Amino acid sequence: MPGFDASIWIGLLAPAGTQTDIVERIAHGVSDVLHRDEVLASMHLQGLDASGGRPQEFAAFIAAESRKWLAVAHAASLRN
């Protein structure tokens, strides 16, 4: 459907309250690994795209996804 994106994403999260310097160090390490040629090739074979990014960007992405799917659930009158 035009304008509809239901792609799957995978991310690494840390417990709330984890020190910023630790989060940044982990993010930097993960980003380094995700950009290795052999990792990119392996992910490509599995149909995956590695994006990586800053923790703040991922937090904003998660918030946007939550808003999007909450709106879908409300529009479909879904309840738990």
PDB file of N, CA and C in Angstrom:
ATOM      1  N   MET A   1       0.844  -1.173   0.000  1.00  0.00           N
ATOM      2  CA  MET A   1       0.000   0.000   0.000  1.00  0.00           C
ATOM      3  C   MET A   1       0.889   1.236   0.000  1.00  0.00           C
ATOM      4  N   PRO A   2       0.568   2.194  -0.791  1.00  0.00           N
ATOM      5  CA  PRO A   2       1.368   3.418  -0.833  1.00  0.00           C
ATOM      6  C   PRO A   2       1.409   4.115   0.533  1.00  0.00           C
ATOM      7  N   GLY A   3       2.575   4.568   0.908  1.00  0.00           N
ATOM      8  CA  GLY A   3       2.730   5.309   2.153  1.00  0.00           C
ATOM      9  C   GLY A   3       2.707   4.468   3.409  1.00  0.00           C
ATOM     10  N   PHE A   4       2.703   3.151   3.261  1.00  0.00           N
ATOM     11  CA  PHE A   4       2.639   2.263   4.424  1.00  0.00           C
ATOM     12  C   PHE A   4       3.955   1.520   4.558  1.00  0.00           C
ATOM     13  N   ASP A   5       4.547   1.550   5.715  1.00  0.00           N
ATOM     14  CA  ASP A   5       5.810   0.865   5.971  1.00  0.00           C
ATOM     15  C   ASP A   5       5.659   0.036   7.237  1.00  0.00           C
ATOM     16  N   ALA A   6       5.766  -1.268   7.063  1.00  0.00           N
ATOM     17  CA  ALA A   6       5.691  -2.176   8.212  1.00  0.00           C
ATOM     18  C   ALA A   6       6.950  -3.025   8.261  1.00  0.00           C
ATOM     19  N   SER A   7       8.076  -2.393   7.981  1.00  0.00           N
ATOM     20  CA  SER A   7       9.339  -3.131   7.978  1.00  0.00           C
ATOM     21  C   SER A   7       9.727  -3.540   9.398  1.00  0.00           C
ATOM     22  N   ILE A   8      10.525  -4.577   9.455  1.00  0.00           N
ATOM     23  CA  ILE A   8      11.023  -5.081  10.733  1.00  0.00           C
ATOM     24  C   ILE A   8      12.340  -4.388  11.036  1.00  0.00           C
ATOM     25  N   TRP A   9      12.538  -4.041  12.293  1.00  0.00           N
ATOM     26  CA  TRP A   9      13.808  -3.445  12.683  1.00  0.00           C
ATOM     27  C   TRP A   9      14.286  -4.122  13.955  1.00  0.00           C
ATOM     28  N   ILE A  10      15.582  -4.089  14.119  1.00  0.00           N
ATOM     29  CA  ILE A  10      16.228  -4.711  15.279  1.00  0.00           C
ATOM     30  C   ILE A  10      17.159  -3.670  15.886  1.00  0.00           C
ATOM     31  N   GLY A  11      17.172  -3.578  17.186  1.00  0.00           N
ATOM     32  CA  GLY A  11      18.052  -2.621  17.828  1.00  0.00           C
ATOM     33  C   GLY A  11      18.555  -3.144  19.157  1.00  0.00           C
ATOM     34  N   LEU A  12      19.551  -2.500  19.651  1.00  0.00           N
ATOM     35  CA  LEU A  12      20.157  -2.843  20.927  1.00  0.00           C
ATOM     36  C   LEU A  12      19.759  -1.770  21.937  1.00  0.00           C
ATOM     37  N   LEU A  13      19.207  -2.207  23.059  1.00  0.00           N
ATOM     38  CA  LEU A  13      18.767  -1.277  24.101  1.00  0.00           C
ATOM     39  C   LEU A  13      19.508  -1.553  25.399  1.00  0.00           C
ATOM     40  N   ALA A  14      19.645  -0.527  26.203  1.00  0.00           N
ATOM     41  CA  ALA A  14      20.257  -0.649  27.527  1.00  0.00           C
ATOM     42  C   ALA A  14      19.190  -0.293  28.562  1.00  0.00           C
ATOM     43  N   PRO A  15      19.355  -0.752  29.784  1.00  0.00           N
ATOM     44  CA  PRO A  15      18.382  -0.404  30.825  1.00  0.00           C
ATOM     45  C   PRO A  15      18.292   1.111  31.028  1.00  0.00           C
ATOM     46  N   ALA A  16      17.104   1.572  31.369  1.00  0.00           N
ATOM     47  CA  ALA A  16      16.922   2.989  31.677  1.00  0.00           C
ATOM     48  C   ALA A  16      17.904   3.393  32.763  1.00  0.00           C
ATOM     49  N   GLY A  17      18.470   4.572  32.607  1.00  0.00           N
ATOM     50  CA  GLY A  17      19.397   5.074  33.606  1.00  0.00           C
ATOM     51  C   GLY A  17      20.848   4.690  33.368  1.00  0.00           C
ATOM     52  N   THR A  18      21.108   3.906  32.297  1.00  0.00           N
ATOM     53  CA  THR A  18      22.504   3.562  31.986  1.00  0.00           C
ATOM     54  C   THR A  18      23.262   4.845  31.685  1.00  0.00           C
ATOM     55  N   GLN A  19      24.454   4.964  32.225  1.00  0.00           N
ATOM     56  CA  GLN A  19      25.245   6.182  32.053  1.00  0.00           C
ATOM     57  C   GLN A  19      25.473   6.474  30.570  1.00  0.00           C
ATOM     58  N   THR A  20      25.368   7.740  30.209  1.00  0.00           N
ATOM     59  CA  THR A  20      25.494   8.175  28.820  1.00  0.00           C
ATOM     60  C   THR A  20      26.814   7.735  28.203  1.00  0.00           C
ATOM     61  N   ASP A  21      27.910   7.841  28.947  1.00  0.00           N
ATOM     62  CA  ASP A  21      29.201   7.467  28.375  1.00  0.00           C
ATOM     63  C   ASP A  21      29.260   5.976  28.040  1.00  0.00           C
ATOM     64  N   ILE A  22      28.590   5.153  28.820  1.00  0.00           N
ATOM     65  CA  ILE A  22      28.543   3.713  28.546  1.00  0.00           C
ATOM     66  C   ILE A  22      27.699   3.455  27.305  1.00  0.00           C
ATOM     67  N   VAL A  23      26.548   4.112  27.209  1.00  0.00           N
ATOM     68  CA  VAL A  23      25.683   3.967  26.035  1.00  0.00           C
ATOM     69  C   VAL A  23      26.433   4.387  24.771  1.00  0.00           C
ATOM     70  N   GLU A  24      27.131   5.504  24.842  1.00  0.00           N
ATOM     71  CA  GLU A  24      27.891   6.004  23.689  1.00  0.00           C
ATOM     72  C   GLU A  24      29.012   5.037  23.303  1.00  0.00           C
ATOM     73  N   ARG A  25      29.678   4.464  24.277  1.00  0.00           N
ATOM     74  CA  ARG A  25      30.763   3.524  23.998  1.00  0.00           C
ATOM     75  C   ARG A  25      30.218   2.263  23.314  1.00  0.00           C
ATOM     76  N   ILE A  26      29.109   1.756  23.807  1.00  0.00           N
ATOM     77  CA  ILE A  26      28.482   0.573  23.191  1.00  0.00           C
ATOM     78  C   ILE A  26      28.026   0.914  21.772  1.00  0.00           C
ATOM     79  N   ALA A  27      27.373   2.057  21.602  1.00  0.00           N
ATOM     80  CA  ALA A  27      26.890   2.465  20.281  1.00  0.00           C
ATOM     81  C   ALA A  27      28.032   2.582  19.288  1.00  0.00           C
ATOM     82  N   HIS A  28      29.140   3.146  19.725  1.00  0.00           N
ATOM     83  CA  HIS A  28      30.299   3.299  18.850  1.00  0.00           C
ATOM     84  C   HIS A  28      30.842   1.924  18.438  1.00  0.00           C
ATOM     85  N   GLY A  29      30.943   1.010  19.385  1.00  0.00           N
ATOM     86  CA  GLY A  29      31.428  -0.331  19.091  1.00  0.00           C
ATOM     87  C   GLY A  29      30.513  -1.074  18.134  1.00  0.00           C
ATOM     88  N   VAL A  30      29.217  -0.981  18.360  1.00  0.00           N
ATOM     89  CA  VAL A  30      28.247  -1.647  17.480  1.00  0.00           C
ATOM     90  C   VAL A  30      28.323  -1.050  16.080  1.00  0.00           C
ATOM     91  N   SER A  31      28.416   0.267  15.986  1.00  0.00           N
ATOM     92  CA  SER A  31      28.513   0.926  14.687  1.00  0.00           C
ATOM     93  C   SER A  31      29.760   0.465  13.938  1.00  0.00           C
ATOM     94  N   ASP A  32      30.878   0.348  14.640  1.00  0.00           N
ATOM     95  CA  ASP A  32      32.110  -0.137  14.004  1.00  0.00           C
ATOM     96  C   ASP A  32      31.912  -1.529  13.421  1.00  0.00           C
ATOM     97  N   VAL A  33      31.293  -2.420  14.188  1.00  0.00           N
ATOM     98  CA  VAL A  33      31.065  -3.792  13.724  1.00  0.00           C
ATOM     99  C   VAL A  33      30.103  -3.807  12.540  1.00  0.00           C
ATOM    100  N   LEU A  34      29.029  -3.027  12.612  1.00  0.00           N
ATOM    101  CA  LEU A  34      28.037  -3.018  11.538  1.00  0.00           C
ATOM    102  C   LEU A  34      28.598  -2.530  10.208  1.00  0.00           C
ATOM    103  N   HIS A  35      29.694  -1.805  10.248  1.00  0.00           N
ATOM    104  CA  HIS A  35      30.269  -1.275   9.015  1.00  0.00           C
ATOM    105  C   HIS A  35      31.457  -2.094   8.502  1.00  0.00           C
ATOM    106  N   ARG A  36      31.705  -3.237   9.097  1.00  0.00           N
ATOM    107  CA  ARG A  36      32.746  -4.130   8.582  1.00  0.00           C
ATOM    108  C   ARG A  36      32.229  -4.815   7.321  1.00  0.00           C
ATOM    109  N   ASP A  37      33.107  -4.942   6.334  1.00  0.00           N
ATOM    110  CA  ASP A  37      32.704  -5.528   5.055  1.00  0.00           C
ATOM    111  C   ASP A  37      32.078  -6.903   5.215  1.00  0.00           C
ATOM    112  N   GLU A  38      32.670  -7.760   6.059  1.00  0.00           N
ATOM    113  CA  GLU A  38      32.150  -9.122   6.205  1.00  0.00           C
ATOM    114  C   GLU A  38      30.778  -9.134   6.889  1.00  0.00           C
ATOM    115  N   VAL A  39      30.545  -8.202   7.796  1.00  0.00           N
ATOM    116  CA  VAL A  39      29.247  -8.110   8.464  1.00  0.00           C
ATOM    117  C   VAL A  39      28.195  -7.590   7.482  1.00  0.00           C
ATOM    118  N   LEU A  40      28.548  -6.560   6.733  1.00  0.00           N
ATOM    119  CA  LEU A  40      27.625  -6.025   5.735  1.00  0.00           C
ATOM    120  C   LEU A  40      27.265  -7.085   4.701  1.00  0.00           C
ATOM    121  N   ALA A  41      28.253  -7.850   4.248  1.00  0.00           N
ATOM    122  CA  ALA A  41      28.006  -8.907   3.258  1.00  0.00           C
ATOM    123  C   ALA A  41      27.086  -9.980   3.831  1.00  0.00           C
ATOM    124  N   SER A  42      27.325 -10.389   5.063  1.00  0.00           N
ATOM    125  CA  SER A  42      26.495 -11.406   5.701  1.00  0.00           C
ATOM    126  C   SER A  42      25.062 -10.912   5.871  1.00  0.00           C
ATOM    127  N   MET A  43      24.916  -9.679   6.292  1.00  0.00           N
ATOM    128  CA  MET A  43      23.575  -9.121   6.472  1.00  0.00           C
ATOM    129  C   MET A  43      22.859  -9.008   5.135  1.00  0.00           C
ATOM    130  N   HIS A  44      23.590  -8.604   4.098  1.00  0.00           N
ATOM    131  CA  HIS A  44      22.989  -8.486   2.766  1.00  0.00           C
ATOM    132  C   HIS A  44      22.459  -9.834   2.286  1.00  0.00           C
ATOM    133  N   LEU A  45      23.212 -10.904   2.522  1.00  0.00           N
ATOM    134  CA  LEU A  45      22.772 -12.247   2.137  1.00  0.00           C
ATOM    135  C   LEU A  45      21.472 -12.640   2.839  1.00  0.00           C
ATOM    136  N   GLN A  46      21.236 -12.078   4.002  1.00  0.00           N
ATOM    137  CA  GLN A  46      20.024 -12.369   4.771  1.00  0.00           C
ATOM    138  C   GLN A  46      18.887 -11.396   4.458  1.00  0.00           C
ATOM    139  N   GLY A  47      19.143 -10.477   3.533  1.00  0.00           N
ATOM    140  CA  GLY A  47      18.128  -9.495   3.170  1.00  0.00           C
ATOM    141  C   GLY A  47      18.020  -8.357   4.157  1.00  0.00           C
ATOM    142  N   LEU A  48      19.073  -8.116   4.913  1.00  0.00           N
ATOM    143  CA  LEU A  48      19.061  -7.075   5.947  1.00  0.00           C
ATOM    144  C   LEU A  48      19.906  -5.882   5.525  1.00  0.00           C
ATOM    145  N   ASP A  49      19.527  -4.721   5.989  1.00  0.00           N
ATOM    146  CA  ASP A  49      20.306  -3.503   5.797  1.00  0.00           C
ATOM    147  C   ASP A  49      20.757  -3.016   7.158  1.00  0.00           C
ATOM    148  N   ALA A  50      22.033  -2.753   7.292  1.00  0.00           N
ATOM    149  CA  ALA A  50      22.568  -2.213   8.550  1.00  0.00           C
ATOM    150  C   ALA A  50      22.532  -0.701   8.470  1.00  0.00           C
ATOM    151  N   SER A  51      21.996  -0.082   9.500  1.00  0.00           N
ATOM    152  CA  SER A  51      21.986   1.372   9.487  1.00  0.00           C
ATOM    153  C   SER A  51      22.832   1.942  10.611  1.00  0.00           C
ATOM    154  N   GLY A  52      22.710   1.395  11.791  1.00  0.00           N
ATOM    155  CA  GLY A  52      23.453   1.961  12.916  1.00  0.00           C
ATOM    156  C   GLY A  52      23.029   3.400  13.141  1.00  0.00           C
ATOM    157  N   GLY A  53      23.685   4.076  14.014  1.00  0.00           N
ATOM    158  CA  GLY A  53      23.351   5.474  14.269  1.00  0.00           C
ATOM    159  C   GLY A  53      23.535   5.831  15.728  1.00  0.00           C
ATOM    160  N   ARG A  54      23.220   7.045  16.020  1.00  0.00           N
ATOM    161  CA  ARG A  54      23.379   7.582  17.362  1.00  0.00           C
ATOM    162  C   ARG A  54      22.223   7.106  18.252  1.00  0.00           C
ATOM    163  N   PRO A  55      22.493   6.918  19.545  1.00  0.00           N
ATOM    164  CA  PRO A  55      21.430   6.501  20.464  1.00  0.00           C
ATOM    165  C   PRO A  55      20.221   7.438  20.450  1.00  0.00           C
ATOM    166  N   GLN A  56      20.473   8.741  20.325  1.00  0.00           N
ATOM    167  CA  GLN A  56      19.374   9.708  20.318  1.00  0.00           C
ATOM    168  C   GLN A  56      18.493   9.522  19.079  1.00  0.00           C
ATOM    169  N   GLU A  57      19.106   9.195  17.941  1.00  0.00           N
ATOM    170  CA  GLU A  57      18.354   8.951  16.717  1.00  0.00           C
ATOM    171  C   GLU A  57      17.482   7.709  16.868  1.00  0.00           C
ATOM    172  N   PHE A  58      18.032   6.675  17.492  1.00  0.00           N
ATOM    173  CA  PHE A  58      17.267   5.446  17.680  1.00  0.00           C
ATOM    174  C   PHE A  58      16.106   5.675  18.645  1.00  0.00           C
ATOM    175  N   ALA A  59      16.337   6.450  19.682  1.00  0.00           N
ATOM    176  CA  ALA A  59      15.259   6.777  20.628  1.00  0.00           C
ATOM    177  C   ALA A  59      14.138   7.532  19.912  1.00  0.00           C
ATOM    178  N   ALA A  60      14.491   8.461  19.046  1.00  0.00           N
ATOM    179  CA  ALA A  60      13.477   9.206  18.291  1.00  0.00           C
ATOM    180  C   ALA A  60      12.735   8.271  17.333  1.00  0.00           C
ATOM    181  N   PHE A  61      13.460   7.331  16.716  1.00  0.00           N
ATOM    182  CA  PHE A  61      12.837   6.364  15.815  1.00  0.00           C
ATOM    183  C   PHE A  61      11.829   5.489  16.574  1.00  0.00           C
ATOM    184  N   ILE A  62      12.227   4.992  17.745  1.00  0.00           N
ATOM    185  CA  ILE A  62      11.334   4.157  18.547  1.00  0.00           C
ATOM    186  C   ILE A  62      10.081   4.944  18.938  1.00  0.00           C
ATOM    187  N   ALA A  63      10.254   6.197  19.324  1.00  0.00           N
ATOM    188  CA  ALA A  63       9.110   7.035  19.696  1.00  0.00           C
ATOM    189  C   ALA A  63       8.171   7.213  18.504  1.00  0.00           C
ATOM    190  N   ALA A  64       8.735   7.448  17.311  1.00  0.00           N
ATOM    191  CA  ALA A  64       7.914   7.621  16.114  1.00  0.00           C
ATOM    192  C   ALA A  64       7.175   6.330  15.772  1.00  0.00           C
ATOM    193  N   GLU A  65       7.864   5.191  15.877  1.00  0.00           N
ATOM    194  CA  GLU A  65       7.218   3.901  15.620  1.00  0.00           C
ATOM    195  C   GLU A  65       6.085   3.651  16.613  1.00  0.00           C
ATOM    196  N   SER A  66       6.308   3.991  17.860  1.00  0.00           N
ATOM    197  CA  SER A  66       5.273   3.809  18.884  1.00  0.00           C
ATOM    198  C   SER A  66       4.044   4.648  18.571  1.00  0.00           C
ATOM    199  N   ARG A  67       4.255   5.892  18.168  1.00  0.00           N
ATOM    200  CA  ARG A  67       3.125   6.764  17.808  1.00  0.00           C
ATOM    201  C   ARG A  67       2.384   6.202  16.593  1.00  0.00           C
ATOM    202  N   LYS A  68       3.135   5.756  15.597  1.00  0.00           N
ATOM    203  CA  LYS A  68       2.522   5.231  14.375  1.00  0.00           C
ATOM    204  C   LYS A  68       1.645   4.022  14.673  1.00  0.00           C
ATOM    205  N   TRP A  69       2.190   3.059  15.419  1.00  0.00           N
ATOM    206  CA  TRP A  69       1.436   1.830  15.669  1.00  0.00           C
ATOM    207  C   TRP A  69       0.320   2.024  16.682  1.00  0.00           C
ATOM    208  N   LEU A  70       0.452   2.983  17.568  1.00  0.00           N
ATOM    209  CA  LEU A  70      -0.647   3.320  18.461  1.00  0.00           C
ATOM    210  C   LEU A  70      -1.814   3.879  17.652  1.00  0.00           C
ATOM    211  N   ALA A  71      -1.508   4.730  16.670  1.00  0.00           N
ATOM    212  CA  ALA A  71      -2.557   5.283  15.807  1.00  0.00           C
ATOM    213  C   ALA A  71      -3.230   4.172  15.001  1.00  0.00           C
ATOM    214  N   VAL A  72      -2.447   3.221  14.512  1.00  0.00           N
ATOM    215  CA  VAL A  72      -3.021   2.091  13.766  1.00  0.00           C
ATOM    216  C   VAL A  72      -3.942   1.286  14.672  1.00  0.00           C
ATOM    217  N   ALA A  73      -3.497   1.011  15.893  1.00  0.00           N
ATOM    218  CA  ALA A  73      -4.309   0.239  16.837  1.00  0.00           C
ATOM    219  C   ALA A  73      -5.612   0.968  17.155  1.00  0.00           C
ATOM    220  N   HIS A  74      -5.545   2.280  17.344  1.00  0.00           N
ATOM    221  CA  HIS A  74      -6.767   3.051  17.619  1.00  0.00           C
ATOM    222  C   HIS A  74      -7.696   3.040  16.417  1.00  0.00           C
ATOM    223  N   ALA A  75      -7.124   3.208  15.222  1.00  0.00           N
ATOM    224  CA  ALA A  75      -7.947   3.228  14.006  1.00  0.00           C
ATOM    225  C   ALA A  75      -8.644   1.886  13.783  1.00  0.00           C
ATOM    226  N   ALA A  76      -7.993   0.809  14.207  1.00  0.00           N
ATOM    227  CA  ALA A  76      -8.576  -0.534  14.058  1.00  0.00           C
ATOM    228  C   ALA A  76      -9.418  -0.943  15.265  1.00  0.00           C
ATOM    229  N   SER A  77      -9.559  -0.029  16.220  1.00  0.00           N
ATOM    230  CA  SER A  77     -10.313  -0.292  17.461  1.00  0.00           C
ATOM    231  C   SER A  77      -9.766  -1.514  18.211  1.00  0.00           C
ATOM    232  N   LEU A  78      -8.455  -1.663  18.204  1.00  0.00           N
ATOM    233  CA  LEU A  78      -7.826  -2.766  18.926  1.00  0.00           C
ATOM    234  C   LEU A  78      -7.707  -2.416  20.405  1.00  0.00           C
ATOM    235  N   ARG A  79      -7.951  -3.380  21.240  1.00  0.00           N
ATOM    236  CA  ARG A  79      -7.832  -3.197  22.690  1.00  0.00           C
ATOM    237  C   ARG A  79      -7.159  -4.418  23.266  1.00  0.00           C
ATOM    238  N   ASN A  80      -6.499  -4.251  24.415  1.00  0.00           N
ATOM    239  CA  ASN A  80      -5.896  -5.429  25.048  1.00  0.00           C
ATOM    240  C   ASN A  80      -6.743  -5.909  26.189  1.00  0.00           C
TER     241      ASN A  80
END
